[in-house]
Amino acid sequence: MDFTFSDKTIELQRQLSHFMEEYVVPHKSSYHQDISKGIYPLPVFEDLKALAKDEELWNLFLQTLPSNIPGTRMSNLEYTPFA
C-alpha cells in the first residue's frame, strides 16, 4: 500500500501548522491561567472553534458529513498524520 501523503494532506498540514502557530499558541498562557482558576468552558475555545470552521479545519475525519455541515471529509489514510 502506498502511504505517501496526498496533496490534500500536505496542504492541510501546512494550514493546520499555521493555525496552531497563529491562533492557538498565543493563547497558551491565558489557557493555563483560566484552567488554574477553574474557568470552564474556556472562553477562547468558542473563538478557536469558529475560526477552525471558517478555515475548513473542522471535522477533518468525518467522511460522511452532510454537505451543510463544515468539514473536510478526509479518508482514514489522509487523516492519519493529524491523529
PDB file of N, CA and C in Angstrom:
ATOM      1  N   MET A   1       0.843  -1.181   0.000  1.00  0.00           N
ATOM      2  CA  MET A   1       0.000   0.000   0.000  1.00  0.00           C
ATOM      3  C   MET A   1       0.888   1.243   0.000  1.00  0.00           C
ATOM      4  N   ASP A   2       0.475   2.238  -0.727  1.00  0.00           N
ATOM      5  CA  ASP A   2       1.224   3.486  -0.826  1.00  0.00           C
ATOM      6  C   ASP A   2       0.806   4.423   0.310  1.00  0.00           C
ATOM      7  N   PHE A   3       1.750   4.785   1.179  1.00  0.00           N
ATOM      8  CA  PHE A   3       1.464   5.666   2.309  1.00  0.00           C
ATOM      9  C   PHE A   3       1.978   7.088   2.080  1.00  0.00           C
ATOM     10  N   THR A   4       2.251   7.432   0.847  1.00  0.00           N
ATOM     11  CA  THR A   4       2.676   8.780   0.520  1.00  0.00           C
ATOM     12  C   THR A   4       1.527   9.743   0.785  1.00  0.00           C
ATOM     13  N   PHE A   5       1.836  10.863   1.431  1.00  0.00           N
ATOM     14  CA  PHE A   5       0.788  11.845   1.701  1.00  0.00           C
ATOM     15  C   PHE A   5       0.259  12.434   0.408  1.00  0.00           C
ATOM     16  N   SER A   6      -1.057  12.594   0.348  1.00  0.00           N
ATOM     17  CA  SER A   6      -1.680  13.217  -0.809  1.00  0.00           C
ATOM     18  C   SER A   6      -1.420  14.726  -0.774  1.00  0.00           C
ATOM     19  N   ASP A   7      -1.631  15.371  -1.904  1.00  0.00           N
ATOM     20  CA  ASP A   7      -1.503  16.833  -1.948  1.00  0.00           C
ATOM     21  C   ASP A   7      -2.460  17.492  -0.956  1.00  0.00           C
ATOM     22  N   LYS A   8      -3.651  16.922  -0.832  1.00  0.00           N
ATOM     23  CA  LYS A   8      -4.652  17.440   0.119  1.00  0.00           C
ATOM     24  C   LYS A   8      -4.107  17.379   1.548  1.00  0.00           C
ATOM     25  N   THR A   9      -3.500  16.263   1.915  1.00  0.00           N
ATOM     26  CA  THR A   9      -2.951  16.100   3.258  1.00  0.00           C
ATOM     27  C   THR A   9      -1.799  17.062   3.499  1.00  0.00           C
ATOM     28  N   ILE A  10      -0.923  17.200   2.543  1.00  0.00           N
ATOM     29  CA  ILE A  10       0.216  18.116   2.677  1.00  0.00           C
ATOM     30  C   ILE A  10      -0.261  19.547   2.856  1.00  0.00           C
ATOM     31  N   GLU A  11      -1.251  19.966   2.096  1.00  0.00           N
ATOM     32  CA  GLU A  11      -1.786  21.324   2.208  1.00  0.00           C
ATOM     33  C   GLU A  11      -2.464  21.521   3.564  1.00  0.00           C
ATOM     34  N   LEU A  12      -3.222  20.539   4.020  1.00  0.00           N
ATOM     35  CA  LEU A  12      -3.876  20.663   5.320  1.00  0.00           C
ATOM     36  C   LEU A  12      -2.863  20.674   6.458  1.00  0.00           C
ATOM     37  N   GLN A  13      -1.759  19.957   6.312  1.00  0.00           N
ATOM     38  CA  GLN A  13      -0.697  20.020   7.314  1.00  0.00           C
ATOM     39  C   GLN A  13      -0.151  21.441   7.404  1.00  0.00           C
ATOM     40  N   ARG A  14       0.046  22.059   6.260  1.00  0.00           N
ATOM     41  CA  ARG A  14       0.539  23.437   6.226  1.00  0.00           C
ATOM     42  C   ARG A  14      -0.474  24.369   6.893  1.00  0.00           C
ATOM     43  N   GLN A  15      -1.739  24.224   6.530  1.00  0.00           N
ATOM     44  CA  GLN A  15      -2.794  25.072   7.096  1.00  0.00           C
ATOM     45  C   GLN A  15      -2.914  24.882   8.606  1.00  0.00           C
ATOM     46  N   LEU A  16      -2.866  23.640   9.044  1.00  0.00           N
ATOM     47  CA  LEU A  16      -3.008  23.362  10.462  1.00  0.00           C
ATOM     48  C   LEU A  16      -1.817  23.896  11.261  1.00  0.00           C
ATOM     49  N   SER A  17      -0.621  23.752  10.736  1.00  0.00           N
ATOM     50  CA  SER A  17       0.564  24.303  11.409  1.00  0.00           C
ATOM     51  C   SER A  17       0.447  25.817  11.547  1.00  0.00           C
ATOM     52  N   HIS A  18       0.009  26.466  10.482  1.00  0.00           N
ATOM     53  CA  HIS A  18      -0.183  27.918  10.520  1.00  0.00           C
ATOM     54  C   HIS A  18      -1.245  28.284  11.552  1.00  0.00           C
ATOM     55  N   PHE A  19      -2.350  27.573  11.578  1.00  0.00           N
ATOM     56  CA  PHE A  19      -3.433  27.834  12.519  1.00  0.00           C
ATOM     57  C   PHE A  19      -2.925  27.706  13.961  1.00  0.00           C
ATOM     58  N   MET A  20      -2.172  26.659  14.221  1.00  0.00           N
ATOM     59  CA  MET A  20      -1.654  26.437  15.577  1.00  0.00           C
ATOM     60  C   MET A  20      -0.723  27.580  15.990  1.00  0.00           C
ATOM     61  N   GLU A  21       0.207  27.938  15.120  1.00  0.00           N
ATOM     62  CA  GLU A  21       1.178  28.989  15.454  1.00  0.00           C
ATOM     63  C   GLU A  21       0.522  30.363  15.571  1.00  0.00           C
ATOM     64  N   GLU A  22      -0.421  30.636  14.690  1.00  0.00           N
ATOM     65  CA  GLU A  22      -1.037  31.962  14.620  1.00  0.00           C
ATOM     66  C   GLU A  22      -2.119  32.178  15.684  1.00  0.00           C
ATOM     67  N   TYR A  23      -2.909  31.136  15.958  1.00  0.00           N
ATOM     68  CA  TYR A  23      -4.100  31.331  16.792  1.00  0.00           C
ATOM     69  C   TYR A  23      -4.103  30.549  18.111  1.00  0.00           C
ATOM     70  N   VAL A  24      -3.534  29.375  18.138  1.00  0.00           N
ATOM     71  CA  VAL A  24      -3.608  28.551  19.346  1.00  0.00           C
ATOM     72  C   VAL A  24      -2.464  28.864  20.308  1.00  0.00           C
ATOM     73  N   VAL A  25      -1.239  28.819  19.828  1.00  0.00           N
ATOM     74  CA  VAL A  25      -0.074  29.026  20.694  1.00  0.00           C
ATOM     75  C   VAL A  25      -0.127  30.374  21.434  1.00  0.00           C
ATOM     76  N   PRO A  26      -0.556  31.466  20.812  1.00  0.00           N
ATOM     77  CA  PRO A  26      -0.606  32.736  21.551  1.00  0.00           C
ATOM     78  C   PRO A  26      -1.539  32.718  22.767  1.00  0.00           C
ATOM     79  N   HIS A  27      -2.467  31.771  22.827  1.00  0.00           N
ATOM     80  CA  HIS A  27      -3.402  31.689  23.955  1.00  0.00           C
ATOM     81  C   HIS A  27      -2.947  30.713  25.035  1.00  0.00           C
ATOM     82  N   LYS A  28      -1.763  30.168  24.888  1.00  0.00           N
ATOM     83  CA  LYS A  28      -1.285  29.142  25.819  1.00  0.00           C
ATOM     84  C   LYS A  28      -1.268  29.632  27.268  1.00  0.00           C
ATOM     85  N   SER A  29      -0.724  30.810  27.517  1.00  0.00           N
ATOM     86  CA  SER A  29      -0.638  31.287  28.902  1.00  0.00           C
ATOM     87  C   SER A  29      -2.019  31.597  29.479  1.00  0.00           C
ATOM     88  N   SER A  30      -2.897  32.217  28.695  1.00  0.00           N
ATOM     89  CA  SER A  30      -4.242  32.505  29.212  1.00  0.00           C
ATOM     90  C   SER A  30      -5.026  31.210  29.441  1.00  0.00           C
ATOM     91  N   TYR A  31      -4.772  30.208  28.621  1.00  0.00           N
ATOM     92  CA  TYR A  31      -5.394  28.897  28.811  1.00  0.00           C
ATOM     93  C   TYR A  31      -5.010  28.349  30.187  1.00  0.00           C
ATOM     94  N   HIS A  32      -3.734  28.348  30.499  1.00  0.00           N
ATOM     95  CA  HIS A  32      -3.263  27.821  31.783  1.00  0.00           C
ATOM     96  C   HIS A  32      -3.782  28.654  32.961  1.00  0.00           C
ATOM     97  N   GLN A  33      -3.851  29.951  32.784  1.00  0.00           N
ATOM     98  CA  GLN A  33      -4.372  30.815  33.846  1.00  0.00           C
ATOM     99  C   GLN A  33      -5.846  30.512  34.114  1.00  0.00           C
ATOM    100  N   ASP A  34      -6.630  30.395  33.050  1.00  0.00           N
ATOM    101  CA  ASP A  34      -8.061  30.111  33.207  1.00  0.00           C
ATOM    102  C   ASP A  34      -8.282  28.736  33.838  1.00  0.00           C
ATOM    103  N   ILE A  35      -7.522  27.752  33.403  1.00  0.00           N
ATOM    104  CA  ILE A  35      -7.640  26.406  33.972  1.00  0.00           C
ATOM    105  C   ILE A  35      -7.320  26.434  35.472  1.00  0.00           C
ATOM    106  N   SER A  36      -6.254  27.151  35.829  1.00  0.00           N
ATOM    107  CA  SER A  36      -5.866  27.200  37.248  1.00  0.00           C
ATOM    108  C   SER A  36      -6.920  27.908  38.098  1.00  0.00           C
ATOM    109  N   LYS A  37      -7.718  28.774  37.481  1.00  0.00           N
ATOM    110  CA  LYS A  37      -8.801  29.466  38.192  1.00  0.00           C
ATOM    111  C   LYS A  37     -10.099  28.668  38.189  1.00  0.00           C
ATOM    112  N   GLY A  38     -10.099  27.529  37.500  1.00  0.00           N
ATOM    113  CA  GLY A  38     -11.302  26.696  37.434  1.00  0.00           C
ATOM    114  C   GLY A  38     -12.332  27.196  36.439  1.00  0.00           C
ATOM    115  N   ILE A  39     -11.910  28.031  35.501  1.00  0.00           N
ATOM    116  CA  ILE A  39     -12.830  28.550  34.487  1.00  0.00           C
ATOM    117  C   ILE A  39     -13.025  27.480  33.420  1.00  0.00           C
ATOM    118  N   TYR A  40     -14.273  27.079  33.251  1.00  0.00           N
ATOM    119  CA  TYR A  40     -14.592  26.098  32.214  1.00  0.00           C
ATOM    120  C   TYR A  40     -16.060  26.228  31.852  1.00  0.00           C
ATOM    121  N   PRO A  41     -16.418  26.195  30.593  1.00  0.00           N
ATOM    122  CA  PRO A  41     -15.527  26.071  29.446  1.00  0.00           C
ATOM    123  C   PRO A  41     -14.723  27.342  29.218  1.00  0.00           C
ATOM    124  N   LEU A  42     -13.605  27.173  28.609  1.00  0.00           N
ATOM    125  CA  LEU A  42     -12.715  28.304  28.377  1.00  0.00           C
ATOM    126  C   LEU A  42     -13.268  29.201  27.279  1.00  0.00           C
ATOM    127  N   PRO A  43     -13.321  30.503  27.513  1.00  0.00           N
ATOM    128  CA  PRO A  43     -13.870  31.427  26.523  1.00  0.00           C
ATOM    129  C   PRO A  43     -13.156  31.355  25.171  1.00  0.00           C
ATOM    130  N   VAL A  44     -11.863  31.129  25.177  1.00  0.00           N
ATOM    131  CA  VAL A  44     -11.098  31.125  23.933  1.00  0.00           C
ATOM    132  C   VAL A  44     -11.507  29.956  23.025  1.00  0.00           C
ATOM    133  N   PHE A  45     -12.005  28.875  23.610  1.00  0.00           N
ATOM    134  CA  PHE A  45     -12.354  27.710  22.800  1.00  0.00           C
ATOM    135  C   PHE A  45     -13.421  28.017  21.757  1.00  0.00           C
ATOM    136  N   GLU A  46     -14.434  28.759  22.127  1.00  0.00           N
ATOM    137  CA  GLU A  46     -15.504  29.059  21.167  1.00  0.00           C
ATOM    138  C   GLU A  46     -14.977  29.873  19.987  1.00  0.00           C
ATOM    139  N   ASP A  47     -14.103  30.831  20.274  1.00  0.00           N
ATOM    140  CA  ASP A  47     -13.500  31.624  19.198  1.00  0.00           C
ATOM    141  C   ASP A  47     -12.638  30.750  18.289  1.00  0.00           C
ATOM    142  N   LEU A  48     -11.838  29.868  18.895  1.00  0.00           N
ATOM    143  CA  LEU A  48     -10.971  28.994  18.099  1.00  0.00           C
ATOM    144  C   LEU A  48     -11.780  27.999  17.280  1.00  0.00           C
ATOM    145  N   LYS A  49     -12.854  27.478  17.844  1.00  0.00           N
ATOM    146  CA  LYS A  49     -13.706  26.548  17.101  1.00  0.00           C
ATOM    147  C   LYS A  49     -14.320  27.246  15.883  1.00  0.00           C
ATOM    148  N   ALA A  50     -14.821  28.452  16.079  1.00  0.00           N
ATOM    149  CA  ALA A  50     -15.413  29.204  14.972  1.00  0.00           C
ATOM    150  C   ALA A  50     -14.373  29.480  13.891  1.00  0.00           C
ATOM    151  N   LEU A  51     -13.195  29.859  14.297  1.00  0.00           N
ATOM    152  CA  LEU A  51     -12.121  30.142  13.342  1.00  0.00           C
ATOM    153  C   LEU A  51     -11.708  28.872  12.598  1.00  0.00           C
ATOM    154  N   ALA A  52     -11.610  27.764  13.305  1.00  0.00           N
ATOM    155  CA  ALA A  52     -11.256  26.492  12.662  1.00  0.00           C
ATOM    156  C   ALA A  52     -12.309  26.111  11.621  1.00  0.00           C
ATOM    157  N   LYS A  53     -13.562  26.333  11.925  1.00  0.00           N
ATOM    158  CA  LYS A  53     -14.630  26.049  10.951  1.00  0.00           C
ATOM    159  C   LYS A  53     -14.486  26.957   9.734  1.00  0.00           C
ATOM    160  N   ASP A  54     -14.229  28.242   9.976  1.00  0.00           N
ATOM    161  CA  ASP A  54     -14.054  29.193   8.873  1.00  0.00           C
ATOM    162  C   ASP A  54     -12.887  28.816   7.973  1.00  0.00           C
ATOM    163  N   GLU A  55     -11.834  28.260   8.560  1.00  0.00           N
ATOM    164  CA  GLU A  55     -10.640  27.911   7.792  1.00  0.00           C
ATOM    165  C   GLU A  55     -10.665  26.460   7.296  1.00  0.00           C
ATOM    166  N   GLU A  56     -11.839  25.823   7.433  1.00  0.00           N
ATOM    167  CA  GLU A  56     -12.043  24.446   6.977  1.00  0.00           C
ATOM    168  C   GLU A  56     -11.096  23.458   7.650  1.00  0.00           C
ATOM    169  N   LEU A  57     -10.868  23.670   8.938  1.00  0.00           N
ATOM    170  CA  LEU A  57     -10.044  22.775   9.741  1.00  0.00           C
ATOM    171  C   LEU A  57     -10.895  22.131  10.833  1.00  0.00           C
ATOM    172  N   TRP A  58     -12.111  21.825  10.496  1.00  0.00           N
ATOM    173  CA  TRP A  58     -13.064  21.278  11.445  1.00  0.00           C
ATOM    174  C   TRP A  58     -13.621  19.975  10.887  1.00  0.00           C
ATOM    175  N   ASN A  59     -13.835  18.985  11.736  1.00  0.00           N
ATOM    176  CA  ASN A  59     -14.360  17.681  11.309  1.00  0.00           C
ATOM    177  C   ASN A  59     -13.524  17.079  10.184  1.00  0.00           C
ATOM    178  N   LEU A  60     -12.229  17.068  10.374  1.00  0.00           N
ATOM    179  CA  LEU A  60     -11.331  16.568   9.330  1.00  0.00           C
ATOM    180  C   LEU A  60     -11.593  15.117   8.971  1.00  0.00           C
ATOM    181  N   PHE A  61     -11.980  14.309   9.932  1.00  0.00           N
ATOM    182  CA  PHE A  61     -12.005  12.867   9.743  1.00  0.00           C
ATOM    183  C   PHE A  61     -13.378  12.290   9.443  1.00  0.00           C
ATOM    184  N   LEU A  62     -14.405  13.080   9.416  1.00  0.00           N
ATOM    185  CA  LEU A  62     -15.752  12.553   9.216  1.00  0.00           C
ATOM    186  C   LEU A  62     -16.089  12.515   7.722  1.00  0.00           C
ATOM    187  N   GLN A  63     -15.959  11.341   7.150  1.00  0.00           N
ATOM    188  CA  GLN A  63     -16.109  11.185   5.697  1.00  0.00           C
ATOM    189  C   GLN A  63     -17.532  11.385   5.193  1.00  0.00           C
ATOM    190  N   THR A  64     -18.511  11.096   6.017  1.00  0.00           N
ATOM    191  CA  THR A  64     -19.897  11.079   5.533  1.00  0.00           C
ATOM    192  C   THR A  64     -20.726  12.253   6.031  1.00  0.00           C
ATOM    193  N   LEU A  65     -20.089  13.371   6.269  1.00  0.00           N
ATOM    194  CA  LEU A  65     -20.834  14.555   6.708  1.00  0.00           C
ATOM    195  C   LEU A  65     -21.793  15.023   5.620  1.00  0.00           C
ATOM    196  N   PRO A  66     -22.966  15.463   6.013  1.00  0.00           N
ATOM    197  CA  PRO A  66     -23.850  16.105   5.035  1.00  0.00           C
ATOM    198  C   PRO A  66     -23.185  17.379   4.504  1.00  0.00           C
ATOM    199  N   SER A  67     -23.547  17.787   3.340  1.00  0.00           N
ATOM    200  CA  SER A  67     -22.904  18.939   2.697  1.00  0.00           C
ATOM    201  C   SER A  67     -23.140  20.250   3.446  1.00  0.00           C
ATOM    202  N   ASN A  68     -24.154  20.314   4.295  1.00  0.00           N
ATOM    203  CA  ASN A  68     -24.440  21.558   5.017  1.00  0.00           C
ATOM    204  C   ASN A  68     -23.696  21.667   6.352  1.00  0.00           C
ATOM    205  N   ILE A  69     -22.826  20.697   6.659  1.00  0.00           N
ATOM    206  CA  ILE A  69     -22.036  20.719   7.891  1.00  0.00           C
ATOM    207  C   ILE A  69     -20.568  20.904   7.520  1.00  0.00           C
ATOM    208  N   PRO A  70     -19.864  21.860   8.185  1.00  0.00           N
ATOM    209  CA  PRO A  70     -18.463  22.087   7.841  1.00  0.00           C
ATOM    210  C   PRO A  70     -17.584  20.881   8.137  1.00  0.00           C
ATOM    211  N   GLY A  71     -16.660  20.610   7.249  1.00  0.00           N
ATOM    212  CA  GLY A  71     -15.710  19.523   7.434  1.00  0.00           C
ATOM    213  C   GLY A  71     -15.005  19.197   6.134  1.00  0.00           C
ATOM    214  N   THR A  72     -13.895  18.486   6.230  1.00  0.00           N
ATOM    215  CA  THR A  72     -13.100  18.199   5.038  1.00  0.00           C
ATOM    216  C   THR A  72     -13.320  16.806   4.466  1.00  0.00           C
ATOM    217  N   ARG A  73     -13.942  15.919   5.253  1.00  0.00           N
ATOM    218  CA  ARG A  73     -14.283  14.586   4.768  1.00  0.00           C
ATOM    219  C   ARG A  73     -13.063  13.801   4.271  1.00  0.00           C
ATOM    220  N   MET A  74     -12.035  13.746   5.094  1.00  0.00           N
ATOM    221  CA  MET A  74     -10.812  13.040   4.721  1.00  0.00           C
ATOM    222  C   MET A  74     -10.983  11.537   4.892  1.00  0.00           C
ATOM    223  N   SER A  75     -10.249  10.786   4.097  1.00  0.00           N
ATOM    224  CA  SER A  75     -10.212   9.343   4.279  1.00  0.00           C
ATOM    225  C   SER A  75      -9.378   9.025   5.529  1.00  0.00           C
ATOM    226  N   ASN A  76      -9.463   7.796   6.005  1.00  0.00           N
ATOM    227  CA  ASN A  76      -8.656   7.406   7.170  1.00  0.00           C
ATOM    228  C   ASN A  76      -7.169   7.597   6.895  1.00  0.00           C
ATOM    229  N   LEU A  77      -6.723   7.242   5.706  1.00  0.00           N
ATOM    230  CA  LEU A  77      -5.298   7.378   5.355  1.00  0.00           C
ATOM    231  C   LEU A  77      -4.899   8.855   5.322  1.00  0.00           C
ATOM    232  N   GLU A  78      -5.746   9.711   4.779  1.00  0.00           N
ATOM    233  CA  GLU A  78      -5.435  11.143   4.742  1.00  0.00           C
ATOM    234  C   GLU A  78      -5.403  11.746   6.148  1.00  0.00           C
ATOM    235  N   TYR A  79      -6.286  11.275   7.030  1.00  0.00           N
ATOM    236  CA  TYR A  79      -6.385  11.825   8.370  1.00  0.00           C
ATOM    237  C   TYR A  79      -5.278  11.368   9.314  1.00  0.00           C
ATOM    238  N   THR A  80      -4.681  10.231   9.038  1.00  0.00           N
ATOM    239  CA  THR A  80      -3.708   9.612   9.932  1.00  0.00           C
ATOM    240  C   THR A  80      -2.639  10.577  10.456  1.00  0.00           C
ATOM    241  N   PRO A  81      -1.981  11.409   9.636  1.00  0.00           N
ATOM    242  CA  PRO A  81      -0.948  12.282  10.195  1.00  0.00           C
ATOM    243  C   PRO A  81      -1.468  13.330  11.165  1.00  0.00           C
ATOM    244  N   PHE A  82      -2.764  13.590  11.165  1.00  0.00           N
ATOM    245  CA  PHE A  82      -3.338  14.588  12.073  1.00  0.00           C
ATOM    246  C   PHE A  82      -3.752  13.964  13.395  1.00  0.00           C
ATOM    247  N   ALA A  83      -3.981  12.667  13.402  1.00  0.00           N
ATOM    248  CA  ALA A  83      -4.377  11.979  14.627  1.00  0.00           C
ATOM    249  C   ALA A  83      -3.174  11.847  15.500  1.00  0.00           C
TER     250      ALA A  83
END
